[in-house]
Amino acid sequence: MPSSRLYTLLAVLSFWGCQTTSENANGDQQLPNIIYILADDMGYGDVSALNKEAKIRTQFLDSIASQGIHFTDAHSPSSVCTPTRYGLLTGRYAWRSKLKAGVTWSYDSLLIDKNRSTVADLLKQHDYFTACVGKWHLGLDWARTANGAIDFSQPISGGPNEVGFDYFYGITASLDIPPYFYIENDRITATAIDSIEGNDLQGPEFWRKGPIGNDFKHVEVLPKLTEKAIDVIAEQSKTDAPFFLYFPLPAPHTPILPTDEFKGKTGTNLYGDFVLMVDDVVGQILQAVDDNQIADNTLIIFTSDNGCSPRANFKELALKGHFPSYQFRGHKADIFEGGHRVPFLARWPRKIRSGMISKETMCLTDLMRTCAAIVGDTLTDQVAEDSYNMLAPLTGASYQGPIREATVHHSVNGSFAIRKDNWKLEFCPGSGGWSFPTPDKAKSLPLPPIQLYDLELDIAERKNLAEVQPEKVAELSQLMNQYIRNGRSTPGSPQKNTGVVQFVQEDYKEIYKNAQ
């Protein structure tokens, strides 16, 4: 656990954990604790509160929905891991950074500019204790020897501690990407380093070969991270400051490793059992909040970084009647809805009424401005360029919507889409990801270079209306161009992107000439 220097122990604790009494702009006397649980590769259809036909009964996630609110139109800013994490923490689309496609890998440097404000920075300014426990996957600046080799014995710079977090305990990236270490703040916890061979590339328990710490076992990672998160909750509940716990899970991403307690429990497959284990993790966090008597003024949010991965074995799940992507087309990595429409559930008894449902379109980048509204802060134009304040729909307050003018989606290969109201324009001929037609396959098929869908009438994205709706294509193309040119999609002074952002593929520039 964090050093005792990080904690201020009080002689007398109030019933709600002695949270700070500084008043925010809304006149509230107590700022809430905020716990953000981010699942890894979990589909919208995996939550039984959202999918009544689900074959996995997610009782603890369902309890959040029944005791609070769930959004039916929430989106990750990307359909893969790293860029979603960047957007969630900074309120800025990752394609504005140096990462234009894909994810960071084993020894890539920190993606977040150290001068850029994050949600953790924001909340620290309001006396929050900020902790990240779990999968980082935003790059780390590893120390190197004179010959350029990684020196695991040295402190790690460019990690969570340098972008606003008081405490970090977690893993470098996905659980199938080496090196396999636990990191506490800026050092690995292993006392010896070995190497591990990769598993079957096609199997659900897949991981890549690489260095591994002597205290690291893949199957133990999710339980151990959960234990650390619970410790943070328990310790911080004793203090006079509110806390922000960012808890990005390594599951149900590969390797798909449910413990023996959950194997076979769903009657689906290993993935379904792993989802059930994730639900149990959520239950443990809820129990920790209840046990420490801070439930009333703790905002708990659960969501996923993107849609479900095909590693889940869709064919096997379909035979059992379970569909992780629900009624949406595609899955992880895709520009289609299955790639980026995600579950979003929240509970905050003091502010959120039970059983609420919101149809408001939202994006995970919105956490930044929503947190700013919670603490009564006004952000400058230089931060959170793609973040909107969702506090009103979150709490059921009256507002005039829609709040977002439009939302930009991004696939694993860097393909773009823009969604405004019920219209979604995709600037590629196929999935832009891993489902059919993949980018390479799409080039060999007689497909239109753009796709326009009316999601109100065609949520499965089957009827391309681009040819019969040229005015809508031009309108959305111009808006996409504006968002890129201005360096932001929210009101405010123009900002700069890092490098060139090109939403038009070279082969199809003529299609968008009216938007240039």
Protein backbone atom coordinates (compact mmCIF):
# COMPACT_ATOMS: atom_id res chain seq x y z
CA MET A 1 0.00 0.00 0.00
CA PRO A 2 1.05 3.65 -0.32
CA SER A 3 3.46 5.06 2.22
CA SER A 4 1.86 6.24 5.45
CA ARG A 5 3.09 9.72 4.57
CA LEU A 6 0.30 9.83 1.99
CA TYR A 7 -2.38 9.46 4.61
CA THR A 8 -3.66 11.77 7.31
CA LEU A 9 -5.25 9.69 10.01
CA LEU A 10 -7.98 11.40 12.03
CA ALA A 11 -8.82 10.75 15.65
CA VAL A 12 -12.53 11.04 15.01
CA LEU A 13 -14.24 9.91 11.79
CA SER A 14 -17.63 11.06 10.67
CA PHE A 15 -20.20 8.49 9.56
CA TRP A 16 -19.39 9.13 5.88
CA GLY A 17 -15.65 8.86 6.26
CA CYS A 18 -14.96 12.51 7.17
CA GLN A 19 -14.88 13.77 3.58
CA THR A 20 -13.74 17.32 2.90
CA THR A 21 -16.14 20.11 3.77
CA SER A 22 -14.87 22.64 1.22
CA GLU A 23 -17.80 23.98 -0.76
CA ASN A 24 -17.94 23.61 -4.55
CA ALA A 25 -19.66 25.87 -7.07
CA ASN A 26 -22.94 24.01 -6.64
CA GLY A 27 -23.03 24.74 -2.92
CA ASP A 28 -22.38 21.13 -1.89
CA GLN A 29 -20.52 20.84 1.42
CA GLN A 30 -18.93 17.48 0.60
CA LEU A 31 -17.12 16.54 -2.57
CA PRO A 32 -17.79 12.93 -3.55
CA ASN A 33 -15.32 10.11 -3.79
CA ILE A 34 -15.07 8.98 -7.42
CA ILE A 35 -14.34 5.39 -8.43
CA TYR A 36 -13.96 4.65 -12.11
CA ILE A 37 -13.93 0.96 -13.06
CA LEU A 38 -12.84 0.37 -16.65
CA ALA A 39 -13.30 -3.16 -18.00
CA ASP A 40 -11.05 -4.33 -20.82
CA ASP A 41 -12.71 -5.66 -24.00
CA MET A 42 -16.18 -6.17 -22.51
CA GLY A 43 -19.19 -5.83 -24.77
CA TYR A 44 -22.41 -3.90 -24.24
CA GLY A 45 -24.34 -7.16 -24.51
CA ASP A 46 -22.36 -8.79 -21.69
CA VAL A 47 -24.27 -6.81 -19.04
CA SER A 48 -27.60 -8.45 -18.34
CA ALA A 49 -29.19 -5.16 -17.25
CA LEU A 50 -28.57 -3.89 -20.80
CA ASN A 51 -29.24 -7.13 -22.64
CA LYS A 52 -32.21 -9.09 -21.33
CA GLU A 53 -31.21 -12.04 -23.53
CA ALA A 54 -27.70 -12.25 -22.07
CA LYS A 55 -26.69 -15.70 -20.87
CA ILE A 56 -24.39 -14.18 -18.26
CA ARG A 57 -26.18 -12.82 -15.20
CA THR A 58 -24.14 -9.84 -14.01
CA GLN A 59 -25.85 -9.35 -10.66
CA PHE A 60 -23.52 -6.66 -9.29
CA LEU A 61 -23.44 -4.60 -12.46
CA ASP A 62 -27.21 -4.93 -12.62
CA SER A 63 -27.40 -3.61 -9.06
CA ILE A 64 -25.54 -0.45 -10.11
CA ALA A 65 -28.07 0.02 -12.91
CA SER A 66 -31.05 -0.54 -10.60
CA GLN A 67 -29.68 1.68 -7.83
CA GLY A 68 -28.44 4.37 -10.19
CA ILE A 69 -28.37 5.05 -13.93
CA HIS A 70 -27.29 3.43 -17.16
CA PHE A 71 -26.67 5.11 -20.51
CA THR A 72 -27.78 3.35 -23.67
CA ASP A 73 -25.72 5.51 -26.05
CA ALA A 74 -22.27 5.71 -24.44
CA HIS A 75 -19.09 5.37 -26.48
CA SER A 76 -15.40 4.84 -26.00
CA PRO A 77 -13.37 7.39 -28.02
CA SER A 78 -11.62 4.52 -29.79
CA SER A 79 -12.32 0.88 -30.47
CA VAL A 80 -9.00 -0.21 -28.92
CA CYS A 81 -7.22 0.13 -25.57
CA THR A 82 -4.58 2.87 -25.47
CA PRO A 83 -6.42 5.69 -27.23
CA THR A 84 -9.50 5.19 -25.06
CA ARG A 85 -7.36 5.48 -21.91
CA TYR A 86 -5.75 8.64 -23.24
CA GLY A 87 -9.14 10.19 -23.98
CA LEU A 88 -10.65 9.15 -20.67
CA LEU A 89 -7.85 10.74 -18.64
CA THR A 90 -7.28 13.88 -20.74
CA GLY A 91 -10.68 14.68 -22.26
CA ARG A 92 -8.97 14.82 -25.66
CA TYR A 93 -9.23 12.40 -28.58
CA ALA A 94 -6.01 10.37 -28.87
CA TRP A 95 -5.80 10.89 -32.62
CA ARG A 96 -4.86 14.48 -31.81
CA SER A 97 -1.72 13.10 -30.12
CA LYS A 98 1.21 11.36 -31.79
CA LEU A 99 -0.77 8.08 -31.78
CA LYS A 100 -2.75 8.01 -35.03
CA ALA A 101 -3.63 4.30 -35.05
CA GLY A 102 -3.16 1.17 -32.96
CA VAL A 103 -1.89 1.04 -29.37
CA THR A 104 1.32 1.53 -27.42
CA TRP A 105 3.56 -1.51 -27.04
CA SER A 106 5.89 -3.00 -24.47
CA TYR A 107 8.53 -0.31 -24.17
CA ASP A 108 6.88 2.69 -25.83
CA SER A 109 7.23 5.98 -23.97
CA LEU A 110 4.42 7.80 -22.17
CA LEU A 111 1.76 8.97 -24.61
CA ILE A 112 0.37 11.74 -22.40
CA ASP A 113 2.42 14.93 -22.59
CA LYS A 114 3.60 15.69 -19.06
CA ASN A 115 2.35 19.28 -19.44
CA ARG A 116 -1.16 18.13 -20.30
CA SER A 117 -3.78 18.18 -17.57
CA THR A 118 -5.55 14.97 -16.65
CA VAL A 119 -8.59 14.12 -14.55
CA ALA A 120 -6.18 13.20 -11.76
CA ASP A 121 -4.48 16.63 -11.99
CA LEU A 122 -7.86 18.34 -11.85
CA LEU A 123 -9.02 16.46 -8.78
CA LYS A 124 -5.69 16.85 -6.96
CA GLN A 125 -6.21 20.62 -7.18
CA HIS A 126 -9.35 20.06 -5.10
CA ASP A 127 -7.56 18.05 -2.42
CA TYR A 128 -8.41 14.62 -3.76
CA PHE A 129 -6.11 11.69 -3.16
CA THR A 130 -5.66 10.13 -6.61
CA ALA A 131 -4.83 6.48 -7.22
CA CYS A 132 -4.50 4.31 -10.30
CA VAL A 133 -4.67 0.56 -9.68
CA GLY A 134 -4.64 -1.74 -12.70
CA LYS A 135 -3.71 -1.82 -16.36
CA TRP A 136 -1.92 1.36 -17.48
CA HIS A 137 -1.24 0.85 -21.23
CA LEU A 138 -0.28 4.44 -21.97
CA GLY A 139 3.46 3.92 -22.21
CA LEU A 140 6.25 4.20 -19.63
CA ASP A 141 9.70 5.75 -19.86
CA TRP A 142 11.84 2.78 -18.85
CA ALA A 143 15.44 3.39 -17.78
CA ARG A 144 18.07 2.13 -20.20
CA THR A 145 21.66 1.04 -19.95
CA ALA A 146 24.48 2.66 -21.91
CA ASN A 147 23.94 0.17 -24.75
CA GLY A 148 20.19 0.89 -24.90
CA ALA A 149 18.88 -2.19 -23.09
CA ILE A 150 16.01 -1.83 -20.63
CA ASP A 151 17.28 -1.60 -17.04
CA PHE A 152 14.49 -2.99 -14.88
CA SER A 153 16.44 -2.27 -11.68
CA GLN A 154 16.08 1.50 -12.08
CA PRO A 155 13.10 3.76 -11.31
CA ILE A 156 10.55 4.13 -14.10
CA SER A 157 9.75 7.66 -15.21
CA GLY A 158 6.84 8.81 -17.34
CA GLY A 159 4.24 6.81 -15.44
CA PRO A 160 0.97 7.60 -13.65
CA ASN A 161 2.78 9.46 -10.84
CA GLU A 162 3.89 12.09 -13.36
CA VAL A 163 0.43 12.77 -14.76
CA GLY A 164 -1.50 13.42 -11.58
CA PHE A 165 -1.68 10.18 -9.60
CA ASP A 166 -0.46 10.07 -6.01
CA TYR A 167 -0.26 6.31 -6.07
CA PHE A 168 0.07 3.62 -8.74
CA TYR A 169 -0.01 -0.13 -8.47
CA GLY A 170 -0.50 -2.07 -11.64
CA ILE A 171 0.79 -3.61 -14.84
CA THR A 172 2.38 -2.03 -17.88
CA ALA A 173 -0.24 -2.87 -20.52
CA SER A 174 -2.61 -5.67 -21.48
CA LEU A 175 -2.03 -8.95 -19.71
CA ASP A 176 -0.84 -10.52 -22.98
CA ILE A 177 1.84 -7.85 -23.59
CA PRO A 178 5.25 -8.13 -21.83
CA PRO A 179 7.02 -7.25 -19.63
CA TYR A 180 5.04 -9.01 -16.93
CA PHE A 181 5.66 -7.09 -13.71
CA TYR A 182 3.73 -5.47 -10.93
CA ILE A 183 4.78 -1.85 -10.63
CA GLU A 184 4.30 0.15 -7.45
CA ASN A 185 4.70 3.86 -8.16
CA ASP A 186 7.98 3.97 -10.11
CA ARG A 187 9.54 0.54 -9.47
CA ILE A 188 8.81 -3.08 -10.28
CA THR A 189 8.06 -5.19 -7.21
CA ALA A 190 9.86 -8.33 -8.43
CA THR A 191 13.09 -9.32 -6.70
CA ALA A 192 14.14 -11.55 -9.59
CA ILE A 193 13.35 -11.64 -13.31
CA ASP A 194 12.83 -14.70 -15.47
CA SER A 195 11.34 -15.15 -18.93
CA ILE A 196 8.12 -16.83 -19.97
CA GLU A 197 7.23 -18.45 -23.28
CA GLY A 198 4.18 -17.33 -25.20
CA ASN A 199 0.97 -19.34 -25.20
CA ASP A 200 -0.94 -20.62 -28.23
CA LEU A 201 -1.62 -17.61 -30.46
CA GLN A 202 -5.12 -18.88 -31.22
CA GLY A 203 -6.18 -19.85 -27.71
CA PRO A 204 -8.18 -17.85 -25.17
CA GLU A 205 -5.29 -18.07 -22.67
CA PHE A 206 -2.93 -16.37 -25.12
CA TRP A 207 0.01 -14.19 -24.05
CA ARG A 208 3.30 -13.22 -25.70
CA LYS A 209 6.71 -14.32 -24.50
CA GLY A 210 8.82 -11.91 -22.50
CA PRO A 211 10.35 -10.99 -19.12
CA ILE A 212 8.34 -11.88 -16.01
CA GLY A 213 8.80 -11.07 -12.33
CA ASN A 214 9.16 -13.79 -9.72
CA ASP A 215 6.00 -12.52 -7.97
CA PHE A 216 3.85 -12.52 -11.13
CA LYS A 217 1.36 -15.18 -12.20
CA HIS A 218 -1.16 -14.28 -14.90
CA VAL A 219 -4.11 -15.98 -13.24
CA GLU A 220 -3.49 -14.07 -10.00
CA VAL A 221 -3.39 -10.59 -11.51
CA LEU A 222 -7.09 -9.66 -11.43
CA PRO A 223 -7.57 -10.84 -7.81
CA LYS A 224 -4.39 -9.08 -6.68
CA LEU A 225 -5.30 -5.79 -8.34
CA THR A 226 -8.76 -6.01 -6.78
CA GLU A 227 -7.18 -6.52 -3.38
CA LYS A 228 -5.06 -3.39 -3.86
CA ALA A 229 -8.06 -1.34 -4.98
CA ILE A 230 -9.99 -2.41 -1.89
CA ASP A 231 -7.00 -1.43 0.26
CA VAL A 232 -6.99 2.06 -1.27
CA ILE A 233 -10.71 2.44 -0.53
CA ALA A 234 -10.24 1.30 3.06
CA GLU A 235 -7.25 3.56 3.73
CA GLN A 236 -8.72 6.63 2.10
CA SER A 237 -12.03 6.22 3.89
CA LYS A 238 -10.15 7.01 7.09
CA THR A 239 -8.95 10.41 5.91
CA ASP A 240 -10.50 13.85 5.64
CA ALA A 241 -9.97 14.09 1.87
CA PRO A 242 -12.08 12.69 -0.94
CA PHE A 243 -10.39 10.21 -3.26
CA PHE A 244 -10.35 9.35 -6.94
CA LEU A 245 -9.69 5.69 -7.72
CA TYR A 246 -9.09 4.88 -11.38
CA PHE A 247 -9.37 1.08 -11.57
CA PRO A 248 -8.69 -0.15 -15.14
CA LEU A 249 -9.11 -3.92 -15.13
CA PRO A 250 -7.03 -6.32 -17.23
CA ALA A 251 -10.17 -8.39 -17.90
CA PRO A 252 -12.00 -9.88 -19.70
CA HIS A 253 -9.17 -9.21 -22.22
CA THR A 254 -6.84 -12.07 -23.13
CA PRO A 255 -5.48 -14.12 -21.53
CA ILE A 256 -8.97 -15.26 -20.59
CA LEU A 257 -8.28 -16.75 -17.17
CA PRO A 258 -11.26 -17.19 -14.87
CA THR A 259 -10.24 -18.75 -11.59
CA ASP A 260 -11.57 -22.18 -10.64
CA GLU A 261 -14.38 -20.57 -8.65
CA PHE A 262 -15.92 -19.21 -11.88
CA LYS A 263 -15.08 -21.87 -14.48
CA GLY A 264 -18.24 -23.38 -15.90
CA LYS A 265 -20.53 -21.10 -13.88
CA THR A 266 -22.23 -19.41 -16.86
CA GLY A 267 -22.70 -22.41 -19.13
CA THR A 268 -21.24 -20.39 -22.01
CA ASN A 269 -17.44 -20.60 -22.33
CA LEU A 270 -14.28 -19.33 -20.63
CA TYR A 271 -14.98 -15.77 -21.75
CA GLY A 272 -18.46 -15.81 -20.24
CA ASP A 273 -17.02 -17.16 -17.00
CA PHE A 274 -14.37 -14.40 -17.02
CA VAL A 275 -17.09 -11.77 -17.44
CA LEU A 276 -18.81 -13.26 -14.40
CA MET A 277 -15.52 -12.90 -12.51
CA VAL A 278 -15.36 -9.24 -13.57
CA ASP A 279 -18.87 -8.81 -12.21
CA ASP A 280 -17.71 -10.32 -8.92
CA VAL A 281 -14.82 -7.83 -8.82
CA VAL A 282 -17.38 -5.04 -9.13
CA GLY A 283 -19.29 -6.65 -6.28
CA GLN A 284 -16.18 -6.59 -4.12
CA ILE A 285 -15.67 -2.87 -4.81
CA LEU A 286 -19.32 -2.16 -3.93
CA GLN A 287 -18.92 -4.15 -0.73
CA ALA A 288 -15.74 -2.24 0.19
CA VAL A 289 -17.56 1.06 -0.26
CA ASP A 290 -20.44 -0.15 1.88
CA ASP A 291 -18.16 -1.62 4.56
CA ASN A 292 -16.29 1.67 4.89
CA GLN A 293 -19.58 3.59 5.19
CA ILE A 294 -18.93 5.95 2.26
CA ALA A 295 -21.58 4.69 -0.18
CA ASP A 296 -23.91 7.69 0.02
CA ASN A 297 -21.39 10.17 -1.35
CA THR A 298 -19.31 7.94 -3.61
CA LEU A 299 -19.79 8.09 -7.37
CA ILE A 300 -19.05 4.68 -8.88
CA ILE A 301 -18.86 4.43 -12.66
CA PHE A 302 -18.45 1.21 -14.63
CA THR A 303 -17.72 1.09 -18.34
CA SER A 304 -15.47 -0.63 -20.91
CA ASP A 305 -12.61 0.61 -23.08
CA ASN A 306 -14.13 -0.80 -26.28
CA GLY A 307 -16.27 -3.64 -27.54
CA CYS A 308 -15.68 -7.36 -27.05
CA SER A 309 -12.72 -9.01 -28.79
CA PRO A 310 -13.19 -11.94 -31.18
CA ARG A 311 -10.88 -13.83 -28.80
CA ALA A 312 -14.08 -14.43 -26.82
CA ASN A 313 -15.06 -16.92 -29.56
CA PHE A 314 -18.27 -15.43 -30.94
CA LYS A 315 -19.28 -18.64 -32.68
CA GLU A 316 -19.08 -20.63 -29.47
CA LEU A 317 -21.01 -17.97 -27.56
CA ALA A 318 -23.67 -17.71 -30.27
CA LEU A 319 -24.35 -21.44 -29.98
CA LYS A 320 -25.22 -20.72 -26.35
CA GLY A 321 -27.41 -17.77 -27.36
CA HIS A 322 -25.06 -15.06 -26.05
CA PHE A 323 -24.03 -12.03 -28.13
CA PRO A 324 -21.44 -9.68 -26.56
CA SER A 325 -22.07 -6.98 -29.17
CA TYR A 326 -25.83 -7.16 -28.50
CA GLN A 327 -27.64 -5.95 -31.65
CA PHE A 328 -24.73 -3.86 -32.91
CA ARG A 329 -22.55 -4.62 -35.90
CA GLY A 330 -18.89 -5.44 -35.38
CA HIS A 331 -16.70 -5.74 -32.31
CA LYS A 332 -13.42 -4.49 -30.83
CA ALA A 333 -11.19 -2.61 -33.31
CA ASP A 334 -14.09 -1.71 -35.66
CA ILE A 335 -15.60 1.62 -36.65
CA PHE A 336 -19.02 -0.06 -36.39
CA GLU A 337 -21.09 0.37 -33.21
CA GLY A 338 -19.92 -2.92 -31.74
CA GLY A 339 -16.42 -1.51 -31.62
CA HIS A 340 -17.11 1.54 -29.47
CA ARG A 341 -20.64 1.49 -28.00
CA VAL A 342 -20.02 0.42 -24.42
CA PRO A 343 -21.88 -0.18 -21.17
CA PHE A 344 -21.94 2.85 -18.88
CA LEU A 345 -23.44 2.47 -15.42
CA ALA A 346 -23.22 4.83 -12.46
CA ARG A 347 -24.30 4.88 -8.81
CA TRP A 348 -24.18 7.89 -6.49
CA PRO A 349 -26.99 7.63 -3.91
CA ARG A 350 -26.68 11.26 -2.82
CA LYS A 351 -27.25 12.57 -6.35
CA ILE A 352 -28.54 9.81 -8.65
CA ARG A 353 -32.04 8.41 -8.27
CA SER A 354 -32.57 4.67 -8.59
CA GLY A 355 -33.47 3.06 -11.89
CA MET A 356 -32.68 5.98 -14.20
CA ILE A 357 -31.96 5.46 -17.91
CA SER A 358 -30.39 8.06 -20.20
CA LYS A 359 -30.44 8.03 -23.98
CA GLU A 360 -28.02 10.97 -24.12
CA THR A 361 -25.07 10.35 -26.45
CA MET A 362 -21.89 10.51 -24.42
CA CYS A 363 -18.21 9.66 -24.80
CA LEU A 364 -15.68 8.56 -22.18
CA THR A 365 -13.73 11.76 -22.87
CA ASP A 366 -16.57 13.50 -21.02
CA LEU A 367 -15.29 12.37 -17.62
CA MET A 368 -12.93 15.37 -17.50
CA ARG A 369 -15.51 18.14 -17.74
CA THR A 370 -18.05 16.18 -15.73
CA CYS A 371 -15.55 15.93 -12.87
CA ALA A 372 -14.79 19.63 -13.27
CA ALA A 373 -18.50 20.35 -12.83
CA ILE A 374 -18.67 18.11 -9.77
CA VAL A 375 -15.90 20.05 -8.02
CA GLY A 376 -17.04 23.43 -9.37
CA ASP A 377 -14.01 24.06 -11.55
CA THR A 378 -13.86 25.94 -14.85
CA LEU A 379 -11.37 24.45 -17.28
CA THR A 380 -9.27 26.57 -19.61
CA ASP A 381 -9.41 26.27 -23.38
CA GLN A 382 -6.08 24.44 -23.40
CA VAL A 383 -7.45 21.27 -21.78
CA ALA A 384 -10.19 18.70 -22.38
CA GLU A 385 -10.76 19.78 -25.98
CA ASP A 386 -13.20 16.94 -26.66
CA SER A 387 -14.94 16.71 -23.28
CA TYR A 388 -18.51 17.72 -22.46
CA ASN A 389 -20.11 18.16 -19.05
CA MET A 390 -22.51 15.24 -18.53
CA LEU A 391 -23.40 16.00 -14.91
CA ALA A 392 -27.02 16.94 -15.74
CA PRO A 393 -27.98 13.68 -17.49
CA LEU A 394 -25.91 11.72 -14.98
CA THR A 395 -27.87 13.09 -12.04
CA GLY A 396 -31.24 13.50 -13.75
CA ALA A 397 -31.18 17.31 -13.59
CA SER A 398 -33.11 19.22 -16.21
CA TYR A 399 -31.15 20.38 -19.26
CA GLN A 400 -31.63 21.18 -22.90
CA GLY A 401 -30.07 18.53 -25.09
CA PRO A 402 -28.39 17.10 -26.89
CA ILE A 403 -25.27 18.13 -24.98
CA ARG A 404 -22.78 16.90 -27.56
CA GLU A 405 -22.88 18.51 -30.98
CA ALA A 406 -21.30 15.37 -32.44
CA THR A 407 -19.02 12.49 -31.46
CA VAL A 408 -15.97 11.23 -33.36
CA HIS A 409 -15.23 7.50 -33.49
CA HIS A 410 -11.87 5.94 -34.37
CA SER A 411 -10.87 2.40 -35.31
CA VAL A 412 -7.69 0.39 -34.84
CA ASN A 413 -6.31 1.24 -38.30
CA GLY A 414 -7.02 4.97 -37.89
CA SER A 415 -10.32 5.13 -39.77
CA PHE A 416 -12.76 7.83 -38.65
CA ALA A 417 -16.50 8.19 -38.24
CA ILE A 418 -18.58 11.10 -37.00
CA ARG A 419 -21.97 10.81 -35.34
CA LYS A 420 -24.45 13.66 -35.06
CA ASP A 421 -28.00 13.00 -33.83
CA ASN A 422 -29.10 9.77 -35.53
CA TRP A 423 -26.65 10.10 -38.45
CA LYS A 424 -23.28 8.36 -38.55
CA LEU A 425 -20.80 8.90 -41.38
CA GLU A 426 -17.92 6.43 -41.67
CA PHE A 427 -14.93 7.50 -43.73
CA CYS A 428 -13.95 4.01 -44.88
CA PRO A 429 -15.46 1.28 -47.06
CA GLY A 430 -15.35 -1.55 -44.49
CA SER A 431 -14.97 -2.12 -40.76
CA GLY A 432 -11.69 -0.25 -40.34
CA GLY A 433 -10.85 -3.08 -37.98
CA TRP A 434 -11.02 -6.84 -37.57
CA SER A 435 -14.53 -7.79 -38.67
CA PHE A 436 -15.58 -8.39 -42.26
CA PRO A 437 -14.87 -6.56 -44.45
CA THR A 438 -11.43 -5.77 -43.03
CA PRO A 439 -9.55 -2.82 -44.57
CA ASP A 440 -7.54 -5.06 -46.89
CA LYS A 441 -10.58 -7.07 -47.94
CA ALA A 442 -12.67 -3.94 -48.46
CA LYS A 443 -10.21 -2.66 -51.06
CA SER A 444 -10.79 -5.73 -53.20
CA LEU A 445 -14.59 -5.56 -53.01
CA PRO A 446 -16.94 -3.27 -54.95
CA LEU A 447 -17.81 -1.22 -51.88
CA PRO A 448 -18.57 2.50 -51.68
CA PRO A 449 -15.66 4.39 -50.06
CA ILE A 450 -17.92 5.93 -47.40
CA GLN A 451 -20.84 4.71 -45.31
CA LEU A 452 -23.76 6.72 -43.96
CA TYR A 453 -26.25 5.16 -41.59
CA ASP A 454 -29.42 6.35 -39.91
CA LEU A 455 -28.98 4.68 -36.52
CA GLU A 456 -32.54 5.42 -35.48
CA LEU A 457 -33.85 3.18 -38.27
CA ASP A 458 -30.81 0.97 -38.83
CA ILE A 459 -28.90 0.33 -35.61
CA ALA A 460 -27.22 -2.70 -37.23
CA GLU A 461 -25.63 -0.45 -39.90
CA ARG A 462 -26.78 -2.48 -42.89
CA LYS A 463 -28.26 0.11 -45.27
CA ASN A 464 -25.67 2.56 -46.58
CA LEU A 465 -27.42 5.84 -47.44
CA ALA A 466 -24.38 7.80 -48.57
CA GLU A 467 -25.37 7.80 -52.23
CA VAL A 468 -28.93 9.02 -51.59
CA GLN A 469 -28.03 11.55 -48.86
CA PRO A 470 -25.19 13.65 -50.38
CA GLU A 471 -26.19 16.74 -48.34
CA LYS A 472 -25.80 14.81 -45.08
CA VAL A 473 -22.44 13.46 -46.24
CA ALA A 474 -21.26 17.00 -47.02
CA GLU A 475 -22.57 18.38 -43.71
CA LEU A 476 -20.87 15.75 -41.56
CA SER A 477 -17.67 15.86 -43.61
CA GLN A 478 -17.45 19.60 -43.11
CA LEU A 479 -18.02 19.21 -39.37
CA MET A 480 -15.29 16.55 -39.17
CA ASN A 481 -12.94 18.85 -41.04
CA GLN A 482 -13.81 21.68 -38.64
CA TYR A 483 -13.09 19.52 -35.59
CA ILE A 484 -9.67 18.67 -36.97
CA ARG A 485 -8.85 22.20 -38.09
CA ASN A 486 -9.84 23.73 -34.74
CA GLY A 487 -8.00 21.15 -32.64
CA ARG A 488 -11.17 20.64 -30.60
CA SER A 489 -14.80 19.52 -30.87
CA THR A 490 -16.06 21.70 -28.02
CA PRO A 491 -16.60 25.48 -27.91
CA GLY A 492 -13.42 27.43 -27.23
CA SER A 493 -10.34 28.89 -28.86
CA PRO A 494 -8.62 26.76 -31.52
CA GLN A 495 -5.87 24.42 -30.33
CA LYS A 496 -3.14 22.47 -32.10
CA ASN A 497 -3.06 18.79 -32.90
CA THR A 498 0.20 16.87 -32.71
CA GLY A 499 1.18 16.17 -36.28
CA VAL A 500 -1.08 15.94 -39.30
CA VAL A 501 -4.57 14.48 -38.85
CA GLN A 502 -6.06 13.12 -42.05
CA PHE A 503 -9.58 11.76 -41.84
CA VAL A 504 -9.79 11.26 -45.61
CA GLN A 505 -8.02 8.23 -47.00
CA GLU A 506 -5.81 9.08 -49.96
CA ASP A 507 -7.78 6.86 -52.34
CA TYR A 508 -11.03 8.69 -51.59
CA LYS A 509 -10.13 12.37 -51.34
CA GLU A 510 -12.26 13.26 -54.34
CA ILE A 511 -15.34 12.09 -52.45
CA TYR A 512 -14.82 14.77 -49.83
CA LYS A 513 -13.72 17.69 -51.97
CA ASN A 514 -16.73 19.70 -50.81
CA ALA A 515 -15.53 19.36 -47.25
CA GLN A 516 -11.99 20.57 -47.82
